[in-house]
Amino acid sequence: MELRQIKYFIEVANREHVTEAAIALHVAQSAVSRQIFNLESELGVDLFIREGRNVRLTPIGRIFLEHMEQAIHVIDDAKQVIDEYTDPEKGTIHIGFPSSLATYILPTAISAFREEYPDVKFQLNQGSYHELKTAVIKGEINMALLGPLPMNEKKLKGAILFTENIVGLLPATHPLANSSSLKLNQLREESFVLFPKEYVLRDLITNACQQIGFKPNVSFEGQDIDSIKGLVSAGLGVSLVPEITLVDNLPRATVKVTNIDPNITRTVGVVIPKDRKLLPTEKLFYEFLLDFFTRLEKFQN
């Protein structure tokens, strides 16, 4: 089994089309077909079902793809380790993050880090909570910022960076807009603007409402924090959002209510794989994050 065969196989599997894979790989279609045929012959199984010019993975092909993608990530990591070995201060950090940490937390941490290590490069991957967890587990990235921090994950190691409050975001014309505090029960009859159902922040808010006896009436959904803030700004509903998302970025025609009863919080932290070592530059950034937020918390207290 050759590395070239594996790369050709992965490209065909992801595109489900030999010609398109060949174009992406900048090789002849016949070369791709030949390498796939050789690979199947060596393994003694059919990896693809041929359907004209299109192909799709067989059940064993899907299993093989999962393992080969992990293998390629390991190989890529090994190459990067070699590159960074002589000088980890000039490597590349691959890190994932959700939209709720994109506008303040991550830029602030990266800016502070690059003051000490200006030659380090970053490759940023934005995704949902579950997408990012899966990406770290599969080896697509080695580090992700998440909120709340996942607990009791067999394949992930997590460290809490800080805990923050969930606050109310209301249209400026809302009857409760001038309130300094807010009882969650006062929003029982309101229209909510929240993340879609598969998002963990949606679950956090829904669970808080259900604990005091009501299910929020969700009239609009936004897949990122800016969409949610825009919908509230347009007067289409109220929302509960992480306080950090409103730092220096309170939308026009909205108000923030920081005192919510009962208090809702979330942890924010960084996750790394349990079964893989971080690359040298990533380890440098991971240790920096832990120290940076420890110092920041002491300063704020």
Protein backbone atom coordinates (compact mmCIF):
# COMPACT_ATOMS: atom_id res chain seq x y z
CA MET A 1 0.00 0.00 0.00
CA GLU A 2 1.49 3.33 -1.08
CA LEU A 3 0.89 6.81 0.32
CA ARG A 4 -0.08 7.98 -3.18
CA GLN A 5 -2.78 5.31 -3.38
CA ILE A 6 -4.20 6.40 -0.03
CA LYS A 7 -4.33 10.05 -1.08
CA TYR A 8 -6.00 9.17 -4.38
CA PHE A 9 -8.50 6.96 -2.56
CA ILE A 10 -9.43 9.70 -0.07
CA GLU A 11 -9.88 12.28 -2.84
CA VAL A 12 -12.16 9.97 -4.87
CA ALA A 13 -14.12 8.97 -1.76
CA ASN A 14 -14.78 12.59 -0.80
CA ARG A 15 -15.75 13.70 -4.30
CA GLU A 16 -17.50 10.48 -5.37
CA HIS A 17 -16.22 11.13 -8.88
CA VAL A 18 -12.95 9.90 -10.41
CA THR A 19 -12.62 12.68 -12.98
CA GLU A 20 -13.17 15.44 -10.43
CA ALA A 21 -10.67 13.79 -8.10
CA ALA A 22 -8.09 13.61 -10.90
CA ILE A 23 -8.56 17.30 -11.67
CA ALA A 24 -8.10 18.20 -8.00
CA LEU A 25 -4.98 16.04 -7.80
CA HIS A 26 -3.60 17.43 -11.10
CA VAL A 27 -3.09 13.95 -12.57
CA ALA A 28 -4.66 11.95 -15.37
CA GLN A 29 -7.94 10.15 -14.71
CA SER A 30 -6.36 6.90 -15.85
CA ALA A 31 -3.66 7.26 -13.19
CA VAL A 32 -6.26 7.62 -10.45
CA SER A 33 -8.31 4.69 -11.73
CA ARG A 34 -5.23 2.50 -11.95
CA GLN A 35 -4.10 3.28 -8.40
CA ILE A 36 -7.59 2.62 -7.02
CA PHE A 37 -7.71 -0.69 -8.89
CA ASN A 38 -4.27 -1.66 -7.54
CA LEU A 39 -5.33 -0.75 -4.02
CA GLU A 40 -8.50 -2.84 -4.22
CA SER A 41 -6.55 -5.75 -5.66
CA GLU A 42 -4.02 -5.58 -2.84
CA LEU A 43 -6.74 -5.42 -0.18
CA GLY A 44 -8.90 -8.04 -1.85
CA VAL A 45 -12.11 -6.01 -1.48
CA ASP A 46 -14.19 -3.55 -3.50
CA LEU A 47 -13.90 -0.09 -1.96
CA PHE A 48 -16.30 1.56 -4.41
CA ILE A 49 -19.55 0.84 -6.19
CA ARG A 50 -19.28 2.14 -9.78
CA GLU A 51 -22.30 4.04 -11.11
CA GLY A 52 -21.30 5.41 -14.50
CA ARG A 53 -18.88 8.25 -13.94
CA ASN A 54 -19.83 8.47 -10.28
CA VAL A 55 -18.69 6.17 -7.50
CA ARG A 56 -19.76 5.64 -3.93
CA LEU A 57 -18.14 3.82 -1.06
CA THR A 58 -19.02 0.27 -0.15
CA PRO A 59 -19.59 -0.42 3.58
CA ILE A 60 -16.01 -1.67 3.93
CA GLY A 61 -14.88 1.33 1.90
CA ARG A 62 -16.41 3.71 4.47
CA ILE A 63 -14.58 1.94 7.28
CA PHE A 64 -11.32 2.04 5.32
CA LEU A 65 -11.80 5.77 4.60
CA GLU A 66 -12.17 6.58 8.30
CA HIS A 67 -8.93 4.80 9.15
CA MET A 68 -7.01 6.24 6.20
CA GLU A 69 -8.06 9.81 7.02
CA GLN A 70 -6.71 9.30 10.53
CA ALA A 71 -3.51 7.84 9.08
CA ILE A 72 -3.01 10.84 6.79
CA HIS A 73 -3.48 13.22 9.72
CA VAL A 74 -0.83 11.30 11.67
CA ILE A 75 1.56 11.52 8.71
CA ASP A 76 0.91 15.24 8.28
CA ASP A 77 1.48 15.77 12.01
CA ALA A 78 4.76 13.88 11.79
CA LYS A 79 5.94 16.12 8.95
CA GLN A 80 4.98 19.20 10.95
CA VAL A 81 6.79 17.90 14.03
CA ILE A 82 9.96 17.61 11.95
CA ASP A 83 9.50 21.15 10.64
CA GLU A 84 8.88 22.55 14.13
CA TYR A 85 11.46 20.47 15.98
CA THR A 86 14.29 22.92 15.45
CA ASP A 87 12.15 25.97 16.25
CA PRO A 88 8.62 25.54 17.70
CA GLU A 89 8.27 29.33 17.73
CA LYS A 90 7.82 29.32 13.95
CA GLY A 91 5.27 26.53 13.54
CA THR A 92 1.55 26.50 12.72
CA ILE A 93 -1.30 26.09 15.18
CA HIS A 94 -4.55 24.48 13.99
CA ILE A 95 -7.38 25.41 16.33
CA GLY A 96 -11.17 25.17 16.13
CA PHE A 97 -13.70 27.55 17.65
CA PRO A 98 -17.47 28.22 17.70
CA SER A 99 -18.98 31.52 16.61
CA SER A 100 -19.65 32.58 20.22
CA LEU A 101 -15.89 32.76 20.86
CA ALA A 102 -14.90 34.28 17.52
CA THR A 103 -15.24 38.00 18.15
CA TYR A 104 -13.39 38.53 21.41
CA ILE A 105 -11.88 35.53 23.23
CA LEU A 106 -9.90 33.91 20.42
CA PRO A 107 -8.64 37.16 18.83
CA THR A 108 -7.58 38.44 22.27
CA ALA A 109 -5.67 35.25 23.10
CA ILE A 110 -3.99 35.07 19.67
CA SER A 111 -2.99 38.74 19.82
CA ALA A 112 -1.39 38.30 23.24
CA PHE A 113 0.37 35.11 22.13
CA ARG A 114 1.81 36.69 18.99
CA GLU A 115 3.32 39.50 21.02
CA GLU A 116 5.62 36.82 22.45
CA TYR A 117 5.81 34.57 19.37
CA PRO A 118 5.31 36.79 16.29
CA ASP A 119 6.43 34.15 13.78
CA VAL A 120 3.83 31.53 14.71
CA LYS A 121 1.06 31.01 12.15
CA PHE A 122 -2.56 30.08 12.85
CA GLN A 123 -5.03 28.04 10.84
CA LEU A 124 -8.49 28.68 12.25
CA ASN A 125 -11.46 26.33 11.84
CA GLN A 126 -14.91 27.59 12.81
CA GLY A 127 -17.62 25.01 13.48
CA SER A 128 -20.41 23.92 15.75
CA TYR A 129 -19.80 22.40 19.18
CA HIS A 130 -20.24 18.80 18.00
CA GLU A 131 -18.30 19.34 14.77
CA LEU A 132 -15.31 20.63 16.71
CA LYS A 133 -15.33 17.77 19.21
CA THR A 134 -15.41 15.28 16.34
CA ALA A 135 -12.61 17.10 14.51
CA VAL A 136 -10.31 16.83 17.54
CA ILE A 137 -11.16 13.16 18.10
CA LYS A 138 -10.56 12.29 14.43
CA GLY A 139 -7.29 14.22 14.28
CA GLU A 140 -8.44 16.89 11.83
CA ILE A 141 -7.31 19.43 14.42
CA ASN A 142 -5.56 18.95 17.75
CA MET A 143 -7.16 21.74 19.74
CA ALA A 144 -10.49 23.54 20.05
CA LEU A 145 -12.03 26.22 22.23
CA LEU A 146 -15.48 25.16 23.43
CA GLY A 147 -18.22 26.45 25.67
CA PRO A 148 -19.42 24.75 27.71
CA LEU A 149 -16.41 22.51 28.20
CA PRO A 150 -17.39 18.87 27.51
CA MET A 151 -17.04 16.59 30.51
CA ASN A 152 -16.36 12.84 30.74
CA GLU A 153 -15.29 12.50 27.11
CA LYS A 154 -13.21 9.33 26.75
CA LYS A 155 -11.04 10.65 23.93
CA LEU A 156 -10.75 14.32 24.96
CA LYS A 157 -8.85 16.13 27.67
CA GLY A 158 -10.32 19.48 28.69
CA ALA A 159 -9.19 22.44 30.76
CA ILE A 160 -11.52 25.23 31.94
CA LEU A 161 -10.26 28.70 31.04
CA PHE A 162 -13.07 30.71 32.66
CA THR A 163 -16.76 30.67 33.58
CA GLU A 164 -19.11 33.30 32.21
CA ASN A 165 -22.72 34.39 32.69
CA ILE A 166 -25.51 34.03 30.16
CA VAL A 167 -27.22 37.41 29.86
CA GLY A 168 -30.43 38.75 28.38
CA LEU A 169 -30.46 40.53 25.02
CA LEU A 170 -33.66 42.49 24.38
CA PRO A 171 -34.85 44.93 21.73
CA ALA A 172 -34.53 48.51 22.98
CA THR A 173 -38.31 48.90 22.59
CA HIS A 174 -39.10 45.91 24.82
CA PRO A 175 -41.15 46.69 27.99
CA LEU A 176 -38.37 45.18 30.14
CA ALA A 177 -35.57 47.03 28.37
CA ASN A 178 -35.00 49.45 31.24
CA SER A 179 -34.82 46.72 33.88
CA SER A 180 -31.54 46.28 35.76
CA SER A 181 -32.39 42.65 36.48
CA LEU A 182 -34.63 40.05 34.97
CA LYS A 183 -36.43 36.98 36.23
CA LEU A 184 -36.30 34.25 33.63
CA ASN A 185 -39.99 33.57 34.29
CA GLN A 186 -40.78 37.05 32.93
CA LEU A 187 -39.86 35.75 29.47
CA ARG A 188 -42.32 32.88 29.61
CA GLU A 189 -44.62 34.38 26.95
CA GLU A 190 -41.88 35.91 24.81
CA SER A 191 -40.71 34.92 21.35
CA PHE A 192 -37.11 33.69 21.53
CA VAL A 193 -34.28 33.92 19.03
CA LEU A 194 -31.93 30.98 19.62
CA PHE A 195 -29.45 28.65 17.95
CA PRO A 196 -30.89 25.62 16.09
CA LYS A 197 -31.78 22.50 18.08
CA GLU A 198 -28.49 20.67 17.52
CA TYR A 199 -26.48 23.49 19.13
CA VAL A 200 -25.35 23.11 22.73
CA LEU A 201 -26.15 26.73 23.66
CA ARG A 202 -29.75 26.08 22.63
CA ASP A 203 -29.82 23.11 25.04
CA LEU A 204 -28.31 25.21 27.84
CA ILE A 205 -31.00 27.87 27.58
CA THR A 206 -33.87 25.45 26.99
CA ASN A 207 -32.89 23.41 30.04
CA ALA A 208 -32.74 26.53 32.23
CA CYS A 209 -36.25 27.53 31.16
CA GLN A 210 -37.65 24.04 31.64
CA GLN A 211 -36.25 23.90 35.17
CA ILE A 212 -38.57 26.74 36.15
CA GLY A 213 -41.55 25.32 34.33
CA PHE A 214 -41.75 26.50 30.73
CA LYS A 215 -40.39 25.70 27.29
CA PRO A 216 -39.17 28.75 25.36
CA ASN A 217 -41.20 29.68 22.29
CA VAL A 218 -38.53 29.83 19.60
CA SER A 219 -39.75 31.95 16.68
CA PHE A 220 -36.42 32.44 14.91
CA GLU A 221 -33.13 30.56 14.75
CA GLY A 222 -29.66 31.78 13.86
CA GLN A 223 -26.66 29.55 13.16
CA ASP A 224 -24.14 32.08 14.44
CA ILE A 225 -24.14 34.66 17.20
CA ASP A 226 -24.20 37.64 14.80
CA SER A 227 -27.39 36.35 13.18
CA ILE A 228 -29.05 36.03 16.58
CA LYS A 229 -28.01 39.54 17.58
CA GLY A 230 -29.26 40.91 14.27
CA LEU A 231 -32.69 39.30 14.69
CA VAL A 232 -33.03 40.70 18.20
CA SER A 233 -31.92 44.11 16.94
CA ALA A 234 -34.72 43.94 14.37
CA GLY A 235 -37.24 43.44 17.18
CA LEU A 236 -38.10 39.86 16.26
CA GLY A 237 -37.63 38.39 19.72
CA VAL A 238 -35.49 38.17 22.84
CA SER A 239 -32.46 36.01 23.44
CA LEU A 240 -30.08 34.75 26.11
CA VAL A 241 -26.45 34.85 24.99
CA PRO A 242 -22.98 34.41 26.50
CA GLU A 243 -21.87 37.71 28.01
CA ILE A 244 -18.54 37.57 26.20
CA THR A 245 -20.31 37.89 22.85
CA LEU A 246 -21.47 41.40 23.77
CA VAL A 247 -18.10 42.79 24.87
CA ASP A 248 -17.50 45.90 22.71
CA ASN A 249 -20.20 44.61 20.36
CA LEU A 250 -23.69 45.41 21.63
CA PRO A 251 -25.96 45.62 18.56
CA ARG A 252 -27.84 48.80 17.84
CA ALA A 253 -31.41 49.02 19.09
CA THR A 254 -30.76 46.38 21.79
CA VAL A 255 -30.07 46.37 25.52
CA LYS A 256 -28.16 43.92 27.69
CA VAL A 257 -29.57 42.74 31.02
CA THR A 258 -26.77 41.13 33.02
CA ASN A 259 -28.64 40.04 36.16
CA ILE A 260 -30.74 36.98 35.37
CA ASP A 261 -32.60 35.02 38.04
CA PRO A 262 -31.90 32.11 38.20
CA ASN A 263 -28.30 32.66 37.17
CA ILE A 264 -27.21 30.75 34.04
CA THR A 265 -23.52 30.14 33.40
CA ARG A 266 -21.31 28.20 31.04
CA THR A 267 -17.72 27.09 31.26
CA VAL A 268 -15.35 27.98 28.44
CA GLY A 269 -12.27 25.87 27.90
CA VAL A 270 -9.84 24.19 25.56
CA VAL A 271 -9.93 20.53 24.54
CA ILE A 272 -7.09 18.41 23.20
CA PRO A 273 -6.89 14.68 22.36
CA LYS A 274 -6.08 12.19 25.12
CA ASP A 275 -4.40 9.70 22.81
CA ARG A 276 -2.14 12.05 20.81
CA LYS A 277 0.61 14.45 21.77
CA LEU A 278 0.30 18.05 20.74
CA LEU A 279 2.70 19.35 18.13
CA PRO A 280 5.48 21.52 19.63
CA THR A 281 3.96 24.85 18.62
CA GLU A 282 0.46 23.74 19.66
CA LYS A 283 1.80 22.69 23.06
CA LEU A 284 3.34 26.13 23.40
CA PHE A 285 -0.04 27.78 22.70
CA TYR A 286 -1.96 25.37 24.94
CA GLU A 287 0.27 26.16 27.91
CA PHE A 288 0.03 29.86 27.07
CA LEU A 289 -3.79 29.72 27.13
CA LEU A 290 -3.85 28.13 30.59
CA ASP A 291 -1.44 30.72 31.97
CA PHE A 292 -3.04 33.67 30.16
CA PHE A 293 -6.54 33.09 31.51
CA THR A 294 -5.25 32.29 35.00
CA ARG A 295 -3.46 35.64 35.06
CA LEU A 296 -6.50 37.38 33.56
CA GLU A 297 -8.81 35.96 36.25
CA LYS A 298 -6.46 37.06 39.03
CA PHE A 299 -6.30 40.53 37.54
CA GLN A 300 -10.09 40.83 37.29
CA ASN A 301 -10.54 39.64 40.88
